[in-house]
Amino acid sequence: MSEQVTFQSPEDRIVGKHVFGNLYGLDPKDLNDEKLLKNLVLQAVKIANMNLVEAKSWSFGGKKGGVSVIALIEESHIALHTWNEYNYATLDVYTCGEDSDPQAAFNFIVESLKPKRYQVFFADRSSS
């Protein structure tokens, strides 16, 4: 059984905005460029008016290797994962700040990577 939560004031409300998607047909050289991908995520943090706590990246070898970049932000996170074998990436931008713009971060990364096609999904993850 779920319980409805009621807040006393607008300041108590959590504004959760989640933009995520799949990027297809990426340039193979970009898929493995850890420095490029990390820099894109760091730029997206600024563009979306988010506050960076820490960013980490990892490069994975092998047939299905790729790169993962995670930016922990005060408002939540940005995660970008690439797969060599499929020329594919997933991108996840989640914020819980009224002044942050996850759509701007998502759009910046997509425009920079220039996939042949992509999907984008939206979820309202607000507390009320």
N, C-alpha and C. Protein backbone atom coordinates (compact mmCIF):
# COMPACT_ATOMS: atom_id res chain seq x y z
N MET A 1 0.85 -1.18 0.00
CA MET A 1 0.00 0.00 0.00
C MET A 1 0.90 1.24 0.00
N SER A 2 0.61 2.17 -0.89
CA SER A 2 1.41 3.39 -0.95
C SER A 2 0.77 4.46 -0.09
N GLU A 3 1.59 5.35 0.36
CA GLU A 3 1.16 6.43 1.24
C GLU A 3 1.37 7.75 0.53
N GLN A 4 0.37 8.62 0.54
CA GLN A 4 0.51 9.93 -0.07
C GLN A 4 1.28 10.84 0.86
N VAL A 5 2.24 11.57 0.28
CA VAL A 5 3.06 12.48 1.06
C VAL A 5 2.57 13.89 0.85
N THR A 6 2.38 14.63 1.91
CA THR A 6 1.97 16.02 1.85
C THR A 6 3.06 16.88 2.49
N PHE A 7 3.45 17.93 1.78
CA PHE A 7 4.48 18.81 2.29
C PHE A 7 3.87 20.07 2.85
N GLN A 8 4.55 20.64 3.81
CA GLN A 8 4.05 21.83 4.49
C GLN A 8 4.23 23.10 3.67
N SER A 9 5.27 23.14 2.83
CA SER A 9 5.52 24.37 2.09
C SER A 9 6.13 24.03 0.73
N PRO A 10 6.08 24.97 -0.22
CA PRO A 10 6.69 24.73 -1.52
C PRO A 10 8.19 24.45 -1.44
N GLU A 11 8.85 24.95 -0.41
CA GLU A 11 10.29 24.71 -0.25
C GLU A 11 10.60 23.24 0.01
N ASP A 12 9.63 22.48 0.50
CA ASP A 12 9.83 21.07 0.81
C ASP A 12 9.70 20.18 -0.43
N ARG A 13 9.19 20.70 -1.51
CA ARG A 13 8.92 19.90 -2.70
C ARG A 13 10.22 19.57 -3.44
N ILE A 14 10.37 18.33 -3.86
CA ILE A 14 11.50 17.91 -4.68
C ILE A 14 11.06 17.95 -6.14
N VAL A 15 11.82 18.64 -6.97
CA VAL A 15 11.50 18.76 -8.38
C VAL A 15 12.46 17.84 -9.13
N GLY A 16 11.99 16.65 -9.45
CA GLY A 16 12.82 15.68 -10.15
C GLY A 16 12.53 15.68 -11.64
N LYS A 17 13.56 15.94 -12.44
CA LYS A 17 13.43 15.95 -13.90
C LYS A 17 14.45 14.96 -14.45
N HIS A 18 13.98 14.01 -15.25
CA HIS A 18 14.85 12.95 -15.75
C HIS A 18 14.73 12.91 -17.27
N VAL A 19 15.85 13.09 -17.95
CA VAL A 19 15.92 13.01 -19.41
C VAL A 19 16.95 11.93 -19.73
N PHE A 20 16.56 10.94 -20.52
CA PHE A 20 17.47 9.83 -20.81
C PHE A 20 17.19 9.31 -22.21
N GLY A 21 18.18 8.64 -22.78
CA GLY A 21 17.97 8.14 -24.13
C GLY A 21 19.10 7.29 -24.66
N ASN A 22 18.95 6.91 -25.91
CA ASN A 22 19.87 6.03 -26.63
C ASN A 22 20.37 6.75 -27.88
N LEU A 23 21.67 6.66 -28.12
CA LEU A 23 22.28 7.31 -29.27
C LEU A 23 22.85 6.23 -30.18
N TYR A 24 22.44 6.23 -31.44
CA TYR A 24 22.82 5.19 -32.40
C TYR A 24 23.67 5.77 -33.53
N GLY A 25 24.57 4.93 -34.06
CA GLY A 25 25.37 5.34 -35.20
C GLY A 25 26.38 6.42 -34.88
N LEU A 26 27.07 6.28 -33.77
CA LEU A 26 28.08 7.27 -33.38
C LEU A 26 29.39 7.01 -34.11
N ASP A 27 30.18 8.05 -34.24
CA ASP A 27 31.51 7.94 -34.83
C ASP A 27 32.36 7.04 -33.95
N PRO A 28 32.93 5.95 -34.49
CA PRO A 28 33.73 5.02 -33.68
C PRO A 28 34.88 5.67 -32.93
N LYS A 29 35.49 6.71 -33.49
CA LYS A 29 36.61 7.35 -32.77
C LYS A 29 36.11 8.10 -31.53
N ASP A 30 34.91 8.62 -31.57
CA ASP A 30 34.35 9.31 -30.40
C ASP A 30 33.97 8.34 -29.28
N LEU A 31 33.55 7.13 -29.65
CA LEU A 31 33.11 6.15 -28.66
C LEU A 31 34.20 5.78 -27.66
N ASN A 32 35.46 5.86 -28.08
CA ASN A 32 36.59 5.46 -27.24
C ASN A 32 37.41 6.62 -26.73
N ASP A 33 36.99 7.83 -27.03
CA ASP A 33 37.77 9.00 -26.63
C ASP A 33 37.32 9.44 -25.23
N GLU A 34 37.94 8.83 -24.23
CA GLU A 34 37.56 9.08 -22.84
C GLU A 34 37.65 10.56 -22.48
N LYS A 35 38.71 11.21 -22.93
CA LYS A 35 38.90 12.64 -22.62
C LYS A 35 37.79 13.48 -23.24
N LEU A 36 37.47 13.24 -24.50
CA LEU A 36 36.39 13.96 -25.18
C LEU A 36 35.07 13.78 -24.44
N LEU A 37 34.73 12.53 -24.13
CA LEU A 37 33.44 12.24 -23.51
C LEU A 37 33.34 12.86 -22.11
N LYS A 38 34.42 12.79 -21.34
CA LYS A 38 34.39 13.40 -20.01
C LYS A 38 34.25 14.92 -20.13
N ASN A 39 34.96 15.52 -21.07
CA ASN A 39 34.85 16.97 -21.26
C ASN A 39 33.44 17.38 -21.68
N LEU A 40 32.78 16.58 -22.53
CA LEU A 40 31.40 16.88 -22.93
C LEU A 40 30.48 16.87 -21.72
N VAL A 41 30.63 15.87 -20.87
CA VAL A 41 29.79 15.78 -19.68
C VAL A 41 30.06 16.97 -18.75
N LEU A 42 31.31 17.34 -18.58
CA LEU A 42 31.63 18.49 -17.72
C LEU A 42 31.07 19.79 -18.28
N GLN A 43 31.11 19.96 -19.60
CA GLN A 43 30.51 21.15 -20.21
C GLN A 43 29.00 21.14 -20.04
N ALA A 44 28.39 19.96 -20.17
CA ALA A 44 26.94 19.83 -20.02
C ALA A 44 26.50 20.22 -18.61
N VAL A 45 27.30 19.88 -17.61
CA VAL A 45 27.00 20.27 -16.22
C VAL A 45 26.86 21.79 -16.13
N LYS A 46 27.79 22.51 -16.72
CA LYS A 46 27.75 23.98 -16.68
C LYS A 46 26.56 24.53 -17.47
N ILE A 47 26.35 23.99 -18.67
CA ILE A 47 25.27 24.47 -19.54
C ILE A 47 23.91 24.31 -18.86
N ALA A 48 23.76 23.23 -18.10
CA ALA A 48 22.47 22.93 -17.47
C ALA A 48 22.32 23.55 -16.08
N ASN A 49 23.26 24.41 -15.70
CA ASN A 49 23.19 25.10 -14.41
C ASN A 49 23.18 24.12 -13.23
N MET A 50 24.08 23.13 -13.31
CA MET A 50 24.22 22.14 -12.25
C MET A 50 25.51 22.41 -11.49
N ASN A 51 25.64 21.83 -10.31
CA ASN A 51 26.81 22.02 -9.46
C ASN A 51 27.56 20.70 -9.32
N LEU A 52 28.74 20.65 -9.91
CA LEU A 52 29.54 19.43 -9.93
C LEU A 52 30.10 19.11 -8.55
N VAL A 53 29.97 17.84 -8.15
CA VAL A 53 30.62 17.33 -6.95
C VAL A 53 31.89 16.60 -7.36
N GLU A 54 31.76 15.66 -8.32
CA GLU A 54 32.92 14.90 -8.80
C GLU A 54 32.55 14.22 -10.12
N ALA A 55 33.53 14.06 -10.98
CA ALA A 55 33.34 13.34 -12.24
C ALA A 55 34.42 12.28 -12.37
N LYS A 56 34.02 11.11 -12.83
CA LYS A 56 34.94 9.99 -13.05
C LYS A 56 34.66 9.41 -14.43
N SER A 57 35.71 8.84 -15.02
CA SER A 57 35.53 8.15 -16.30
C SER A 57 36.39 6.90 -16.32
N TRP A 58 35.94 5.94 -17.11
CA TRP A 58 36.62 4.66 -17.25
C TRP A 58 36.57 4.23 -18.70
N SER A 59 37.65 3.63 -19.17
CA SER A 59 37.71 3.09 -20.52
C SER A 59 37.80 1.58 -20.41
N PHE A 60 36.98 0.88 -21.19
CA PHE A 60 36.93 -0.57 -21.16
C PHE A 60 37.36 -1.12 -22.51
N GLY A 61 38.24 -2.09 -22.51
CA GLY A 61 38.70 -2.69 -23.75
C GLY A 61 37.81 -3.84 -24.18
N GLY A 62 38.26 -4.55 -25.20
CA GLY A 62 37.51 -5.72 -25.67
C GLY A 62 36.50 -5.37 -26.73
N LYS A 63 35.91 -6.41 -27.29
CA LYS A 63 34.95 -6.26 -28.38
C LYS A 63 33.78 -5.35 -28.01
N LYS A 64 33.28 -5.53 -26.81
CA LYS A 64 32.13 -4.71 -26.37
C LYS A 64 32.58 -3.55 -25.49
N GLY A 65 33.87 -3.23 -25.53
CA GLY A 65 34.40 -2.15 -24.70
C GLY A 65 33.81 -0.80 -25.06
N GLY A 66 34.16 0.16 -24.29
CA GLY A 66 33.69 1.53 -24.50
C GLY A 66 34.16 2.40 -23.36
N VAL A 67 33.42 3.44 -23.11
CA VAL A 67 33.76 4.40 -22.07
C VAL A 67 32.52 4.66 -21.22
N SER A 68 32.72 4.83 -19.93
CA SER A 68 31.67 5.28 -19.03
C SER A 68 32.13 6.56 -18.35
N VAL A 69 31.24 7.53 -18.29
CA VAL A 69 31.51 8.80 -17.60
C VAL A 69 30.34 9.04 -16.65
N ILE A 70 30.67 9.29 -15.41
CA ILE A 70 29.66 9.60 -14.40
C ILE A 70 30.02 10.93 -13.76
N ALA A 71 29.06 11.86 -13.77
CA ALA A 71 29.23 13.12 -13.06
C ALA A 71 28.22 13.14 -11.92
N LEU A 72 28.74 13.17 -10.71
CA LEU A 72 27.90 13.35 -9.54
C LEU A 72 27.73 14.85 -9.36
N ILE A 73 26.49 15.28 -9.36
CA ILE A 73 26.20 16.70 -9.17
C ILE A 73 25.35 16.86 -7.91
N GLU A 74 25.35 18.03 -7.36
CA GLU A 74 24.53 18.27 -6.16
C GLU A 74 23.07 17.92 -6.43
N GLU A 75 22.64 18.13 -7.65
CA GLU A 75 21.24 17.91 -8.01
C GLU A 75 20.95 16.45 -8.37
N SER A 76 21.94 15.63 -8.66
CA SER A 76 21.83 14.19 -8.89
C SER A 76 22.98 13.68 -9.75
N HIS A 77 22.76 13.43 -11.08
CA HIS A 77 23.86 12.86 -11.87
C HIS A 77 23.66 13.00 -13.38
N ILE A 78 24.78 12.82 -14.11
CA ILE A 78 24.79 12.59 -15.54
C ILE A 78 25.61 11.32 -15.75
N ALA A 79 25.09 10.39 -16.55
CA ALA A 79 25.82 9.16 -16.86
C ALA A 79 25.81 8.95 -18.37
N LEU A 80 27.00 8.70 -18.92
CA LEU A 80 27.15 8.43 -20.35
C LEU A 80 27.93 7.13 -20.49
N HIS A 81 27.40 6.17 -21.24
CA HIS A 81 28.06 4.88 -21.45
C HIS A 81 28.08 4.58 -22.95
N THR A 82 29.26 4.19 -23.47
CA THR A 82 29.36 3.85 -24.90
C THR A 82 29.73 2.38 -25.06
N TRP A 83 29.35 1.81 -26.21
CA TRP A 83 29.67 0.43 -26.57
C TRP A 83 30.28 0.42 -27.97
N ASN A 84 31.54 -0.04 -28.07
CA ASN A 84 32.24 -0.09 -29.36
C ASN A 84 31.51 -0.93 -30.39
N GLU A 85 31.16 -2.14 -29.99
CA GLU A 85 30.62 -3.12 -30.92
C GLU A 85 29.37 -2.62 -31.64
N TYR A 86 28.62 -1.77 -30.99
CA TYR A 86 27.33 -1.34 -31.54
C TYR A 86 27.31 0.12 -32.01
N ASN A 87 28.41 0.85 -31.89
CA ASN A 87 28.42 2.29 -32.19
C ASN A 87 27.24 2.97 -31.50
N TYR A 88 27.13 2.72 -30.22
CA TYR A 88 25.93 3.02 -29.44
C TYR A 88 26.32 3.64 -28.10
N ALA A 89 25.44 4.47 -27.57
CA ALA A 89 25.64 5.03 -26.23
C ALA A 89 24.29 5.22 -25.55
N THR A 90 24.33 5.22 -24.23
CA THR A 90 23.17 5.61 -23.45
C THR A 90 23.54 6.87 -22.67
N LEU A 91 22.57 7.73 -22.49
CA LEU A 91 22.78 9.00 -21.79
C LEU A 91 21.64 9.21 -20.80
N ASP A 92 22.01 9.51 -19.57
CA ASP A 92 21.04 9.65 -18.49
C ASP A 92 21.34 10.96 -17.75
N VAL A 93 20.37 11.87 -17.70
CA VAL A 93 20.55 13.14 -17.00
C VAL A 93 19.38 13.30 -16.04
N TYR A 94 19.68 13.28 -14.75
CA TYR A 94 18.64 13.38 -13.74
C TYR A 94 18.99 14.52 -12.79
N THR A 95 18.05 15.41 -12.55
CA THR A 95 18.26 16.51 -11.62
C THR A 95 17.07 16.65 -10.69
N CYS A 96 17.34 17.16 -9.53
CA CYS A 96 16.27 17.46 -8.58
C CYS A 96 16.39 18.91 -8.11
N GLY A 97 16.71 19.77 -9.05
CA GLY A 97 16.84 21.18 -8.73
C GLY A 97 15.93 22.00 -9.61
N GLU A 98 15.24 22.95 -9.03
CA GLU A 98 14.32 23.77 -9.80
C GLU A 98 15.02 24.62 -10.85
N ASP A 99 16.29 24.96 -10.61
CA ASP A 99 17.00 25.85 -11.53
C ASP A 99 17.86 25.12 -12.55
N SER A 100 17.93 23.80 -12.47
CA SER A 100 18.76 23.05 -13.41
C SER A 100 17.92 22.64 -14.63
N ASP A 101 18.60 22.39 -15.74
CA ASP A 101 17.92 22.08 -17.00
C ASP A 101 18.53 20.82 -17.62
N PRO A 102 18.03 19.63 -17.24
CA PRO A 102 18.59 18.40 -17.78
C PRO A 102 18.42 18.28 -19.30
N GLN A 103 17.37 18.87 -19.84
CA GLN A 103 17.17 18.83 -21.29
C GLN A 103 18.31 19.54 -22.01
N ALA A 104 18.77 20.66 -21.47
CA ALA A 104 19.88 21.39 -22.09
C ALA A 104 21.15 20.54 -22.08
N ALA A 105 21.41 19.83 -20.98
CA ALA A 105 22.59 18.96 -20.90
C ALA A 105 22.48 17.82 -21.92
N PHE A 106 21.32 17.19 -21.98
CA PHE A 106 21.10 16.09 -22.92
C PHE A 106 21.30 16.58 -24.36
N ASN A 107 20.66 17.69 -24.70
CA ASN A 107 20.76 18.23 -26.06
C ASN A 107 22.20 18.57 -26.43
N PHE A 108 22.95 19.17 -25.51
CA PHE A 108 24.33 19.53 -25.79
C PHE A 108 25.16 18.29 -26.13
N ILE A 109 25.04 17.25 -25.34
CA ILE A 109 25.82 16.04 -25.59
C ILE A 109 25.42 15.39 -26.91
N VAL A 110 24.12 15.31 -27.18
CA VAL A 110 23.65 14.71 -28.45
C VAL A 110 24.17 15.53 -29.64
N GLU A 111 24.03 16.85 -29.57
CA GLU A 111 24.49 17.70 -30.68
C GLU A 111 25.99 17.58 -30.89
N SER A 112 26.74 17.38 -29.82
CA SER A 112 28.19 17.26 -29.92
C SER A 112 28.62 15.92 -30.51
N LEU A 113 27.92 14.85 -30.16
CA LEU A 113 28.29 13.51 -30.64
C LEU A 113 27.70 13.18 -32.02
N LYS A 114 26.68 13.91 -32.44
CA LYS A 114 26.08 13.77 -33.76
C LYS A 114 25.72 12.32 -34.13
N PRO A 115 24.88 11.67 -33.33
CA PRO A 115 24.46 10.31 -33.69
C PRO A 115 23.62 10.35 -34.97
N LYS A 116 23.60 9.22 -35.69
CA LYS A 116 22.76 9.14 -36.89
C LYS A 116 21.29 9.20 -36.51
N ARG A 117 20.97 8.66 -35.34
CA ARG A 117 19.61 8.79 -34.80
C ARG A 117 19.70 8.62 -33.29
N TYR A 118 18.65 9.08 -32.61
CA TYR A 118 18.63 8.91 -31.15
C TYR A 118 17.19 8.90 -30.67
N GLN A 119 17.02 8.36 -29.47
CA GLN A 119 15.73 8.37 -28.79
C GLN A 119 15.90 9.20 -27.52
N VAL A 120 14.85 9.88 -27.13
CA VAL A 120 14.89 10.63 -25.87
C VAL A 120 13.59 10.36 -25.12
N PHE A 121 13.73 10.19 -23.82
CA PHE A 121 12.59 9.90 -22.94
C PHE A 121 12.62 10.89 -21.78
N PHE A 122 11.45 11.15 -21.21
CA PHE A 122 11.32 12.10 -20.13
C PHE A 122 10.54 11.44 -19.00
N ALA A 123 10.94 11.72 -17.78
CA ALA A 123 10.19 11.24 -16.62
C ALA A 123 10.12 12.36 -15.60
N ASP A 124 8.92 12.57 -15.06
CA ASP A 124 8.74 13.51 -13.98
C ASP A 124 8.94 12.71 -12.69
N ARG A 125 9.98 13.05 -11.96
CA ARG A 125 10.28 12.33 -10.72
C ARG A 125 10.14 13.25 -9.53
N SER A 126 9.16 14.15 -9.62
CA SER A 126 8.93 15.11 -8.54
C SER A 126 8.22 14.43 -7.37
N SER A 127 8.35 15.03 -6.22
CA SER A 127 7.80 14.45 -5.01
C SER A 127 6.30 14.72 -4.85
N SER A 128 5.77 15.64 -5.62
CA SER A 128 4.32 15.90 -5.52
C SER A 128 3.80 16.42 -6.83
